[in-house]
Each structure stands twice: as C-alpha cells, then as structure tokens.
Amino acid sequence: MYRNDLLDKEWVVNKNTLWTQKLSSGDVFGTLSAYWDVAAANTSLASTVGPDAQLYAYKVLGNGIASDETTYGARNTLGWDAIGITSNCKNVERAVDFADFMVSEEGQYLKLWGVEGEDWEIKDGVHTADSELVKGRVEDANGTIRSTGVRLWTWFVKNGNGSDGTPYDILKVELTDAAVFANKNLPDTNWDMAEYDALEPVGSTPEGLKYQKAQDVFDQAFPKIIAASSEEECVQLYEKMISDMDAAGLKDVEKVINENYDAKMKIWNE
C-alpha cells in the first residue's frame, strides 16, 4: 500500500486531531479504526459534502479468506478503565463511596444520560431521553458531549440495562447509521483477549528490561519496514528486526509470558 501511494505518507506521525482533519476533507477512501472513532469526521462530512459522504465499517479480508475464517478485533471484558485509590488518599472511605455510587444505577444514568428533568425524565415508568439530546447524540456525538456533559466521563461503565429495562448507555437508545451498519456487517467478529492481557514481565525485572529493549527494536523497525522501497527490502528489514529482538532477549521474555499465562489460567480455571 505504501509503495503504491495508497497509504498516507505521514501515517507514522499522525495524531488524532490531524487524522480526523484528513478524514473530514473527503479525500480519504478508508482508514483502520473502530466505527465510532470516525464519528467526528462523519459529522463534518455530512455537513460539508452531504449525507452520503460517510465512513462505514467493513471487514477487510485477504485473498481467499472467508468472512467466518477470521476475526475483526479484540475485546477485553476487563474493561477500559484504569482507576485506583492512591496511597496518599486522605479519605479512602469517601473514595470507595464515590466508586460505589458510580457503579450504582443512579450513577450510571447520571453519567450516561445526564440530569433528570433536564436531559431525561421518567415516562410510563421508564427513562425517556430528551429528543434533542438523542438527536444530538446521533448527528454530532462529540459536540453534544461538550455542550451537555452527557457521557463526558465514561468511568465505571456497566453493560446491560437498568431496572426499568432501558440501557444504561444512552448511545444504545438510538443508534447512528454507522452503528447500525457496523452491527449488521460485523456480527460475532470480536475475540476476547482478557486471558492474554497483562502477561508481560514486570518492568523492574531483568526480563522486563529485555522486554522493553525488544519493544524498542520493534518500534524503530516497523516504520522502516512499511516504507521499504521493495518487497525484498521489506523482508530483509523484517528478518533483521526479528534477529535484533532475539538478541535483546526475546526468548526469555516469551518464557515469562508463558509462565504468567499458565498461572492466570490456573487461577481462572479454579
């Protein structure tokens, strides 16, 4: 793709803002991302080019590969959050109380639906969102977040529905066209990566230092592999990268990863 001018030459230095600006220009055919990552670009395209100028999610397959022979992406059931109480917290009990509220039904609806009487109300015994809020979430998700605060903080988010049957997450009340298309086009394509998470050696150990060295080799080599002038150079650079990673102690790192995996499976199976 790079040699045929199909890949952005600045791919290695693109940041999220610049990437979104490029997508919003209408000159980009496709990108590698989750369907929700392009929401801001889709909003811009709809207003500047038209409603048909949208980025939709497809499952890209190699030659000869059937749709049911590969997965689309990883899903970690451990969640996205990394929240902790620091050792110098002056009131641990209050911090725990806050966390308890965040995971409660009231806390979920406050974060993900907004303020009762302003963003939603109870009608016929169920949560009913303000129509303008729902419309805004569909047409301009990021702008609506900034103007309302609804879903600005997505900490301690729970899946599923509340006691009245409405989803905790207002995003699921009315899906965008991109979400509808993605759900239809990419069914059952995720795999659960929770059992493979956090297996790397601890950074302060000898193996942890070797892991960082191997990672540094990869980070430096990968852009050069992509930018290789020929397939032969690409293969040569790849083989050198593997050789350098082996020299950095990759086998010792893999041994620790396998041991950590076995220990995790022993705990989980019990």
C-alpha atoms as a PDB file:
ATOM      1  CA  MET A   1       0.000   0.000   0.000  1.00  0.00           C
ATOM      2  CA  TYR A   2       2.800   2.429   0.843  1.00  0.00           C
ATOM      3  CA  ARG A   3       4.741   1.702  -2.349  1.00  0.00           C
ATOM      4  CA  ASN A   4       1.587   2.215  -4.420  1.00  0.00           C
ATOM      5  CA  ASP A   5       0.719   5.545  -2.764  1.00  0.00           C
ATOM      6  CA  LEU A   6      -2.383   4.090  -1.105  1.00  0.00           C
ATOM      7  CA  LEU A   7      -1.148   4.749   2.440  1.00  0.00           C
ATOM      8  CA  ASP A   8      -0.824   8.255   3.866  1.00  0.00           C
ATOM      9  CA  LYS A   9       2.875   9.120   3.765  1.00  0.00           C
ATOM     10  CA  GLU A  10       2.515  10.778   7.178  1.00  0.00           C
ATOM     11  CA  TRP A  11       0.902   7.743   8.799  1.00  0.00           C
ATOM     12  CA  VAL A  12       3.666   7.281  11.349  1.00  0.00           C
ATOM     13  CA  VAL A  13       3.376  10.843  12.738  1.00  0.00           C
ATOM     14  CA  ASN A  14      -0.387  11.338  12.522  1.00  0.00           C
ATOM     15  CA  LYS A  15      -2.066  12.359  15.766  1.00  0.00           C
ATOM     16  CA  ASN A  16      -5.791  12.016  16.397  1.00  0.00           C
ATOM     17  CA  THR A  17      -6.641  15.625  15.558  1.00  0.00           C
ATOM     18  CA  LEU A  18      -4.695  15.614  12.286  1.00  0.00           C
ATOM     19  CA  TRP A  19      -6.076  12.177  11.389  1.00  0.00           C
ATOM     20  CA  THR A  20      -9.655  13.409  11.928  1.00  0.00           C
ATOM     21  CA  GLN A  21      -8.977  16.518   9.839  1.00  0.00           C
ATOM     22  CA  LYS A  22      -7.745  14.375   6.955  1.00  0.00           C
ATOM     23  CA  LEU A  23     -10.798  12.096   7.166  1.00  0.00           C
ATOM     24  CA  SER A  24     -13.057  15.158   7.226  1.00  0.00           C
ATOM     25  CA  SER A  25     -11.576  16.503   3.984  1.00  0.00           C
ATOM     26  CA  GLY A  26     -13.493  13.990   1.870  1.00  0.00           C
ATOM     27  CA  ASP A  27     -10.291  12.861   0.127  1.00  0.00           C
ATOM     28  CA  VAL A  28      -9.781   9.660   2.167  1.00  0.00           C
ATOM     29  CA  PHE A  29     -11.183   6.357   0.925  1.00  0.00           C
ATOM     30  CA  GLY A  30     -10.780   4.381   4.143  1.00  0.00           C
ATOM     31  CA  THR A  31      -8.956   4.040   7.445  1.00  0.00           C
ATOM     32  CA  LEU A  32      -8.228   1.365  10.020  1.00  0.00           C
ATOM     33  CA  SER A  33     -10.293   2.056  13.136  1.00  0.00           C
ATOM     34  CA  ALA A  34     -13.409   1.273  15.117  1.00  0.00           C
ATOM     35  CA  TYR A  35     -16.588   2.685  13.576  1.00  0.00           C
ATOM     36  CA  TRP A  36     -17.086   5.110  16.470  1.00  0.00           C
ATOM     37  CA  ASP A  37     -13.620   6.619  16.001  1.00  0.00           C
ATOM     38  CA  VAL A  38     -14.768   8.384  12.836  1.00  0.00           C
ATOM     39  CA  ALA A  39     -17.900   9.955  14.350  1.00  0.00           C
ATOM     40  CA  ALA A  40     -16.464  13.489  14.271  1.00  0.00           C
ATOM     41  CA  ALA A  41     -15.310  13.058  10.672  1.00  0.00           C
ATOM     42  CA  ASN A  42     -18.721  11.712   9.654  1.00  0.00           C
ATOM     43  CA  THR A  43     -20.427  14.710  11.247  1.00  0.00           C
ATOM     44  CA  SER A  44     -18.175  17.063   9.294  1.00  0.00           C
ATOM     45  CA  LEU A  45     -18.605  15.155   6.025  1.00  0.00           C
ATOM     46  CA  ALA A  46     -22.388  15.152   6.356  1.00  0.00           C
ATOM     47  CA  SER A  47     -22.468  18.930   6.733  1.00  0.00           C
ATOM     48  CA  THR A  48     -19.853  19.859   4.116  1.00  0.00           C
ATOM     49  CA  VAL A  49     -20.239  17.177   1.443  1.00  0.00           C
ATOM     50  CA  GLY A  50     -23.628  15.569   2.070  1.00  0.00           C
ATOM     51  CA  PRO A  51     -25.382  12.744   3.923  1.00  0.00           C
ATOM     52  CA  ASP A  52     -23.997  10.105   1.566  1.00  0.00           C
ATOM     53  CA  ALA A  53     -20.377  11.048   2.341  1.00  0.00           C
ATOM     54  CA  GLN A  54     -19.863   8.783   5.335  1.00  0.00           C
ATOM     55  CA  LEU A  55     -17.290   6.275   6.560  1.00  0.00           C
ATOM     56  CA  TYR A  56     -18.826   2.869   7.316  1.00  0.00           C
ATOM     57  CA  ALA A  57     -17.283  -0.216   8.871  1.00  0.00           C
ATOM     58  CA  TYR A  58     -16.360  -3.162   6.652  1.00  0.00           C
ATOM     59  CA  LYS A  59     -14.499  -6.336   7.435  1.00  0.00           C
ATOM     60  CA  VAL A  60     -11.402  -6.395   5.242  1.00  0.00           C
ATOM     61  CA  LEU A  61     -10.341  -9.886   4.169  1.00  0.00           C
ATOM     62  CA  GLY A  62      -7.265 -11.265   2.478  1.00  0.00           C
ATOM     63  CA  ASN A  63      -7.480 -13.096  -0.816  1.00  0.00           C
ATOM     64  CA  GLY A  64      -9.108 -16.493  -0.388  1.00  0.00           C
ATOM     65  CA  ILE A  65     -10.189 -15.818   3.222  1.00  0.00           C
ATOM     66  CA  ALA A  66     -13.875 -16.278   4.042  1.00  0.00           C
ATOM     67  CA  SER A  67     -15.647 -13.926   6.439  1.00  0.00           C
ATOM     68  CA  ASP A  68     -16.121 -16.641   9.073  1.00  0.00           C
ATOM     69  CA  GLU A  69     -12.457 -17.661   8.969  1.00  0.00           C
ATOM     70  CA  THR A  70     -11.087 -14.614  10.743  1.00  0.00           C
ATOM     71  CA  THR A  71     -11.989 -12.158  13.483  1.00  0.00           C
ATOM     72  CA  TYR A  72     -12.380  -8.402  13.289  1.00  0.00           C
ATOM     73  CA  GLY A  73     -10.809  -7.179  16.518  1.00  0.00           C
ATOM     74  CA  ALA A  74     -10.060  -7.860  20.160  1.00  0.00           C
ATOM     75  CA  ARG A  75     -12.464  -7.235  23.023  1.00  0.00           C
ATOM     76  CA  ASN A  76     -11.308  -7.136  26.624  1.00  0.00           C
ATOM     77  CA  THR A  77     -14.008  -7.925  29.169  1.00  0.00           C
ATOM     78  CA  LEU A  78     -11.778  -6.467  31.885  1.00  0.00           C
ATOM     79  CA  GLY A  79     -12.829  -3.021  30.688  1.00  0.00           C
ATOM     80  CA  TRP A  80     -11.002   0.099  29.575  1.00  0.00           C
ATOM     81  CA  ASP A  81     -10.683   1.820  32.929  1.00  0.00           C
ATOM     82  CA  ALA A  82      -7.525   2.034  34.992  1.00  0.00           C
ATOM     83  CA  ILE A  83      -8.793   3.540  38.239  1.00  0.00           C
ATOM     84  CA  GLY A  84      -7.160   3.291  41.619  1.00  0.00           C
ATOM     85  CA  ILE A  85      -7.003   4.931  45.047  1.00  0.00           C
ATOM     86  CA  THR A  86      -3.581   6.406  45.741  1.00  0.00           C
ATOM     87  CA  SER A  87      -1.612   5.645  48.893  1.00  0.00           C
ATOM     88  CA  ASN A  88      -1.809   9.313  49.966  1.00  0.00           C
ATOM     89  CA  CYS A  89      -5.601   9.500  49.690  1.00  0.00           C
ATOM     90  CA  LYS A  90      -6.815  11.426  52.736  1.00  0.00           C
ATOM     91  CA  ASN A  91     -10.221   9.749  52.930  1.00  0.00           C
ATOM     92  CA  VAL A  92     -10.252   6.240  51.477  1.00  0.00           C
ATOM     93  CA  GLU A  93     -13.797   5.620  52.724  1.00  0.00           C
ATOM     94  CA  ARG A  94     -15.143   8.575  50.724  1.00  0.00           C
ATOM     95  CA  ALA A  95     -13.231   7.430  47.642  1.00  0.00           C
ATOM     96  CA  VAL A  96     -14.812   3.979  47.921  1.00  0.00           C
ATOM     97  CA  ASP A  97     -18.222   5.569  48.447  1.00  0.00           C
ATOM     98  CA  PHE A  98     -17.698   7.549  45.244  1.00  0.00           C
ATOM     99  CA  ALA A  99     -16.803   4.386  43.341  1.00  0.00           C
ATOM    100  CA  ASP A 100     -19.867   2.628  44.765  1.00  0.00           C
ATOM    101  CA  PHE A 101     -22.075   5.480  43.570  1.00  0.00           C
ATOM    102  CA  MET A 102     -20.509   5.444  40.106  1.00  0.00           C
ATOM    103  CA  VAL A 103     -21.379   1.755  39.605  1.00  0.00           C
ATOM    104  CA  SER A 104     -24.873   2.147  41.063  1.00  0.00           C
ATOM    105  CA  GLU A 105     -27.889   2.510  38.808  1.00  0.00           C
ATOM    106  CA  GLU A 106     -28.244   6.174  39.770  1.00  0.00           C
ATOM    107  CA  GLY A 107     -24.597   6.821  38.986  1.00  0.00           C
ATOM    108  CA  GLN A 108     -24.795   5.048  35.637  1.00  0.00           C
ATOM    109  CA  TYR A 109     -27.782   7.080  34.461  1.00  0.00           C
ATOM    110  CA  LEU A 110     -26.235  10.324  35.737  1.00  0.00           C
ATOM    111  CA  LYS A 111     -23.006   9.785  33.758  1.00  0.00           C
ATOM    112  CA  LEU A 112     -24.532   8.308  30.620  1.00  0.00           C
ATOM    113  CA  TRP A 113     -27.959  10.013  30.434  1.00  0.00           C
ATOM    114  CA  GLY A 114     -27.440  13.305  32.246  1.00  0.00           C
ATOM    115  CA  VAL A 115     -29.561  15.168  34.784  1.00  0.00           C
ATOM    116  CA  GLU A 116     -33.156  14.155  35.470  1.00  0.00           C
ATOM    117  CA  GLY A 117     -35.564  16.912  34.421  1.00  0.00           C
ATOM    118  CA  GLU A 118     -33.023  18.387  32.008  1.00  0.00           C
ATOM    119  CA  ASP A 119     -31.759  15.539  29.853  1.00  0.00           C
ATOM    120  CA  TRP A 120     -34.317  12.850  30.662  1.00  0.00           C
ATOM    121  CA  GLU A 121     -37.440  12.075  32.657  1.00  0.00           C
ATOM    122  CA  ILE A 122     -39.446   9.059  33.727  1.00  0.00           C
ATOM    123  CA  LYS A 123     -42.403   8.414  31.397  1.00  0.00           C
ATOM    124  CA  ASP A 124     -44.654   5.386  31.842  1.00  0.00           C
ATOM    125  CA  GLY A 125     -42.167   4.028  34.355  1.00  0.00           C
ATOM    126  CA  VAL A 126     -39.087   4.119  32.113  1.00  0.00           C
ATOM    127  CA  HIS A 127     -36.221   6.502  31.426  1.00  0.00           C
ATOM    128  CA  THR A 128     -37.061   8.691  28.437  1.00  0.00           C
ATOM    129  CA  ALA A 129     -34.345  10.886  26.981  1.00  0.00           C
ATOM    130  CA  ASP A 130     -34.930  14.409  25.727  1.00  0.00           C
ATOM    131  CA  SER A 131     -35.496  14.184  21.975  1.00  0.00           C
ATOM    132  CA  GLU A 132     -32.956  16.919  21.233  1.00  0.00           C
ATOM    133  CA  LEU A 133     -30.328  15.084  23.269  1.00  0.00           C
ATOM    134  CA  VAL A 134     -30.931  11.857  21.346  1.00  0.00           C
ATOM    135  CA  LYS A 135     -30.860  13.739  18.049  1.00  0.00           C
ATOM    136  CA  GLY A 136     -27.626  15.438  19.032  1.00  0.00           C
ATOM    137  CA  ARG A 137     -26.024  12.159  20.058  1.00  0.00           C
ATOM    138  CA  VAL A 138     -26.799  10.702  16.627  1.00  0.00           C
ATOM    139  CA  GLU A 139     -25.927  13.738  14.491  1.00  0.00           C
ATOM    140  CA  ASP A 140     -22.959  15.170  16.401  1.00  0.00           C
ATOM    141  CA  ALA A 141     -21.796  12.927  19.218  1.00  0.00           C
ATOM    142  CA  ASN A 142     -18.666  14.865  20.191  1.00  0.00           C
ATOM    143  CA  GLY A 143     -20.369  18.260  20.024  1.00  0.00           C
ATOM    144  CA  THR A 144     -23.239  17.030  22.179  1.00  0.00           C
ATOM    145  CA  ILE A 145     -20.814  15.652  24.754  1.00  0.00           C
ATOM    146  CA  ARG A 146     -19.125  19.043  25.031  1.00  0.00           C
ATOM    147  CA  SER A 147     -22.377  21.012  25.269  1.00  0.00           C
ATOM    148  CA  THR A 148     -24.274  18.719  27.672  1.00  0.00           C
ATOM    149  CA  GLY A 149     -21.650  16.750  29.582  1.00  0.00           C
ATOM    150  CA  VAL A 150     -23.594  13.540  28.937  1.00  0.00           C
ATOM    151  CA  ARG A 151     -21.064  10.709  28.511  1.00  0.00           C
ATOM    152  CA  LEU A 152     -18.158  13.089  29.085  1.00  0.00           C
ATOM    153  CA  TRP A 153     -16.944  10.724  31.797  1.00  0.00           C
ATOM    154  CA  THR A 154     -17.149   7.028  30.994  1.00  0.00           C
ATOM    155  CA  TRP A 155     -15.706   5.633  34.201  1.00  0.00           C
ATOM    156  CA  PHE A 156     -17.138   2.529  35.887  1.00  0.00           C
ATOM    157  CA  VAL A 157     -19.455   1.895  32.939  1.00  0.00           C
ATOM    158  CA  LYS A 158     -21.633  -1.221  33.157  1.00  0.00           C
ATOM    159  CA  ASN A 159     -23.142  -3.085  30.240  1.00  0.00           C
ATOM    160  CA  GLY A 160     -26.782  -4.038  30.070  1.00  0.00           C
ATOM    161  CA  ASN A 161     -29.999  -2.391  31.188  1.00  0.00           C
ATOM    162  CA  GLY A 162     -31.294  -0.714  34.300  1.00  0.00           C
ATOM    163  CA  SER A 163     -34.181  -1.999  36.435  1.00  0.00           C
ATOM    164  CA  ASP A 164     -36.758  -0.418  34.086  1.00  0.00           C
ATOM    165  CA  GLY A 165     -35.296  -2.154  31.042  1.00  0.00           C
ATOM    166  CA  THR A 166     -33.691   0.894  29.434  1.00  0.00           C
ATOM    167  CA  PRO A 167     -29.977   0.637  28.596  1.00  0.00           C
ATOM    168  CA  TYR A 168     -27.536   2.274  30.964  1.00  0.00           C
ATOM    169  CA  ASP A 169     -25.826   3.842  27.958  1.00  0.00           C
ATOM    170  CA  ILE A 170     -27.857   6.421  26.053  1.00  0.00           C
ATOM    171  CA  LEU A 171     -25.862   5.566  22.929  1.00  0.00           C
ATOM    172  CA  LYS A 172     -27.933   2.397  22.695  1.00  0.00           C
ATOM    173  CA  VAL A 173     -31.282   4.209  22.754  1.00  0.00           C
ATOM    174  CA  GLU A 174     -30.983   5.205  19.112  1.00  0.00           C
ATOM    175  CA  LEU A 175     -28.053   4.045  17.028  1.00  0.00           C
ATOM    176  CA  THR A 176     -26.323   6.090  14.371  1.00  0.00           C
ATOM    177  CA  ASP A 177     -26.460   4.833  10.792  1.00  0.00           C
ATOM    178  CA  ALA A 178     -22.784   3.883  11.124  1.00  0.00           C
ATOM    179  CA  ALA A 179     -23.507   1.818  14.240  1.00  0.00           C
ATOM    180  CA  VAL A 180     -26.477   0.078  12.606  1.00  0.00           C
ATOM    181  CA  PHE A 181     -24.340  -0.746   9.581  1.00  0.00           C
ATOM    182  CA  ALA A 182     -21.451  -1.997  11.740  1.00  0.00           C
ATOM    183  CA  ASN A 183     -23.708  -4.235  13.844  1.00  0.00           C
ATOM    184  CA  LYS A 184     -25.188  -5.713  10.675  1.00  0.00           C
ATOM    185  CA  ASN A 185     -21.931  -6.049   8.772  1.00  0.00           C
ATOM    186  CA  LEU A 186     -19.677  -7.273  11.573  1.00  0.00           C
ATOM    187  CA  PRO A 187     -21.646  -9.773  13.669  1.00  0.00           C
ATOM    188  CA  ASP A 188     -19.729 -12.018  16.086  1.00  0.00           C
ATOM    189  CA  THR A 189     -16.349 -10.864  14.839  1.00  0.00           C
ATOM    190  CA  ASN A 190     -14.650  -9.965  18.124  1.00  0.00           C
ATOM    191  CA  TRP A 191     -12.491 -12.260  20.218  1.00  0.00           C
ATOM    192  CA  ASP A 192     -11.977 -11.989  23.956  1.00  0.00           C
ATOM    193  CA  MET A 193      -8.395 -11.027  24.806  1.00  0.00           C
ATOM    194  CA  ALA A 194      -8.813 -10.862  28.591  1.00  0.00           C
ATOM    195  CA  GLU A 195      -6.802 -14.039  29.184  1.00  0.00           C
ATOM    196  CA  TYR A 196      -3.863 -12.580  27.229  1.00  0.00           C
ATOM    197  CA  ASP A 197      -3.871  -9.210  28.984  1.00  0.00           C
ATOM    198  CA  ALA A 198      -1.001  -8.021  31.218  1.00  0.00           C
ATOM    199  CA  LEU A 199       1.277 -11.033  30.715  1.00  0.00           C
ATOM    200  CA  GLU A 200       4.455  -9.023  30.107  1.00  0.00           C
ATOM    201  CA  PRO A 201       7.355  -9.212  32.590  1.00  0.00           C
ATOM    202  CA  VAL A 202       7.406  -6.604  35.350  1.00  0.00           C
ATOM    203  CA  GLY A 203       9.471  -3.612  34.264  1.00  0.00           C
ATOM    204  CA  SER A 204      11.960  -3.742  37.147  1.00  0.00           C
ATOM    205  CA  THR A 205      12.960  -7.373  36.493  1.00  0.00           C
ATOM    206  CA  PRO A 206      15.769  -8.442  34.112  1.00  0.00           C
ATOM    207  CA  GLU A 207      13.156  -9.898  31.769  1.00  0.00           C
ATOM    208  CA  GLY A 208      11.178  -6.647  31.985  1.00  0.00           C
ATOM    209  CA  LEU A 209      14.208  -4.702  30.767  1.00  0.00           C
ATOM    210  CA  LYS A 210      14.663  -7.191  27.933  1.00  0.00           C
ATOM    211  CA  TYR A 211      11.002  -6.774  27.020  1.00  0.00           C
ATOM    212  CA  GLN A 212      11.451  -3.004  26.773  1.00  0.00           C
ATOM    213  CA  LYS A 213      14.564  -3.426  24.619  1.00  0.00           C
ATOM    214  CA  ALA A 214      12.697  -5.792  22.271  1.00  0.00           C
ATOM    215  CA  GLN A 215       9.772  -3.359  22.130  1.00  0.00           C
ATOM    216  CA  ASP A 216      12.159  -0.509  21.285  1.00  0.00           C
ATOM    217  CA  VAL A 217      13.604  -2.580  18.425  1.00  0.00           C
ATOM    218  CA  PHE A 218      10.105  -3.155  17.057  1.00  0.00           C
ATOM    219  CA  ASP A 219       9.057   0.495  17.389  1.00  0.00           C
ATOM    220  CA  GLN A 220      12.117   1.659  15.460  1.00  0.00           C
ATOM    221  CA  ALA A 221      12.000  -1.042  12.789  1.00  0.00           C
ATOM    222  CA  PHE A 222       8.313  -1.128  11.940  1.00  0.00           C
ATOM    223  CA  PRO A 223       8.085   2.268  10.167  1.00  0.00           C
ATOM    224  CA  LYS A 224      11.160   1.364   8.095  1.00  0.00           C
ATOM    225  CA  ILE A 225       9.561  -1.932   7.078  1.00  0.00           C
ATOM    226  CA  ILE A 226       6.422  -0.139   5.905  1.00  0.00           C
ATOM    227  CA  ALA A 227       8.447   2.431   3.982  1.00  0.00           C
ATOM    228  CA  ALA A 228      10.685  -0.169   2.288  1.00  0.00           C
ATOM    229  CA  SER A 229      11.262   0.530  -1.399  1.00  0.00           C
ATOM    230  CA  SER A 230      10.671  -3.091  -2.435  1.00  0.00           C
ATOM    231  CA  GLU A 231       9.252  -6.369  -1.175  1.00  0.00           C
ATOM    232  CA  GLU A 232      12.776  -7.757  -0.926  1.00  0.00           C
ATOM    233  CA  GLU A 233      13.897  -4.874   1.285  1.00  0.00           C
ATOM    234  CA  CYS A 234      10.761  -5.294   3.384  1.00  0.00           C
ATOM    235  CA  VAL A 235      11.595  -8.962   4.062  1.00  0.00           C
ATOM    236  CA  GLN A 236      15.232  -8.143   4.820  1.00  0.00           C
ATOM    237  CA  LEU A 237      14.239  -5.456   7.329  1.00  0.00           C
ATOM    238  CA  TYR A 238      11.715  -7.776   8.953  1.00  0.00           C
ATOM    239  CA  GLU A 239      14.253 -10.562   9.348  1.00  0.00           C
ATOM    240  CA  LYS A 240      16.749  -8.108  10.840  1.00  0.00           C
ATOM    241  CA  MET A 241      14.107  -6.890  13.283  1.00  0.00           C
ATOM    242  CA  ILE A 242      13.429 -10.446  14.466  1.00  0.00           C
ATOM    243  CA  SER A 243      17.160 -11.094  14.791  1.00  0.00           C
ATOM    244  CA  ASP A 244      17.646  -7.914  16.829  1.00  0.00           C
ATOM    245  CA  MET A 245      14.688  -8.766  19.070  1.00  0.00           C
ATOM    246  CA  ASP A 246      16.110 -12.239  19.675  1.00  0.00           C
ATOM    247  CA  ALA A 247      19.458 -10.645  20.552  1.00  0.00           C
ATOM    248  CA  ALA A 248      17.648  -8.364  23.034  1.00  0.00           C
ATOM    249  CA  GLY A 249      16.423 -11.452  24.918  1.00  0.00           C
ATOM    250  CA  LEU A 250      13.034 -12.148  23.366  1.00  0.00           C
ATOM    251  CA  LYS A 251      13.131 -15.860  24.255  1.00  0.00           C
ATOM    252  CA  ASP A 252      13.496 -15.028  27.963  1.00  0.00           C
ATOM    253  CA  VAL A 253      10.576 -12.624  27.653  1.00  0.00           C
ATOM    254  CA  GLU A 254       8.412 -15.247  25.963  1.00  0.00           C
ATOM    255  CA  LYS A 255       9.239 -17.719  28.761  1.00  0.00           C
ATOM    256  CA  VAL A 256       7.891 -15.281  31.385  1.00  0.00           C
ATOM    257  CA  ILE A 257       4.807 -14.542  29.270  1.00  0.00           C
ATOM    258  CA  ASN A 258       4.019 -18.262  29.011  1.00  0.00           C
ATOM    259  CA  GLU A 259       4.543 -18.734  32.758  1.00  0.00           C
ATOM    260  CA  ASN A 260       2.251 -15.793  33.539  1.00  0.00           C
ATOM    261  CA  TYR A 261      -0.371 -17.202  31.194  1.00  0.00           C
ATOM    262  CA  ASP A 262      -0.250 -20.641  32.839  1.00  0.00           C
ATOM    263  CA  ALA A 263      -0.560 -19.031  36.288  1.00  0.00           C
ATOM    264  CA  LYS A 264      -3.547 -16.958  35.187  1.00  0.00           C
ATOM    265  CA  MET A 265      -5.288 -19.995  33.671  1.00  0.00           C
ATOM    266  CA  LYS A 266      -4.733 -21.967  36.886  1.00  0.00           C
ATOM    267  CA  ILE A 267      -6.441 -19.245  38.910  1.00  0.00           C
ATOM    268  CA  TRP A 268      -9.283 -18.764  36.431  1.00  0.00           C
ATOM    269  CA  ASN A 269      -9.959 -22.471  35.998  1.00  0.00           C
ATOM    270  CA  GLU A 270     -10.135 -22.941  39.750  1.00  0.00           C
END
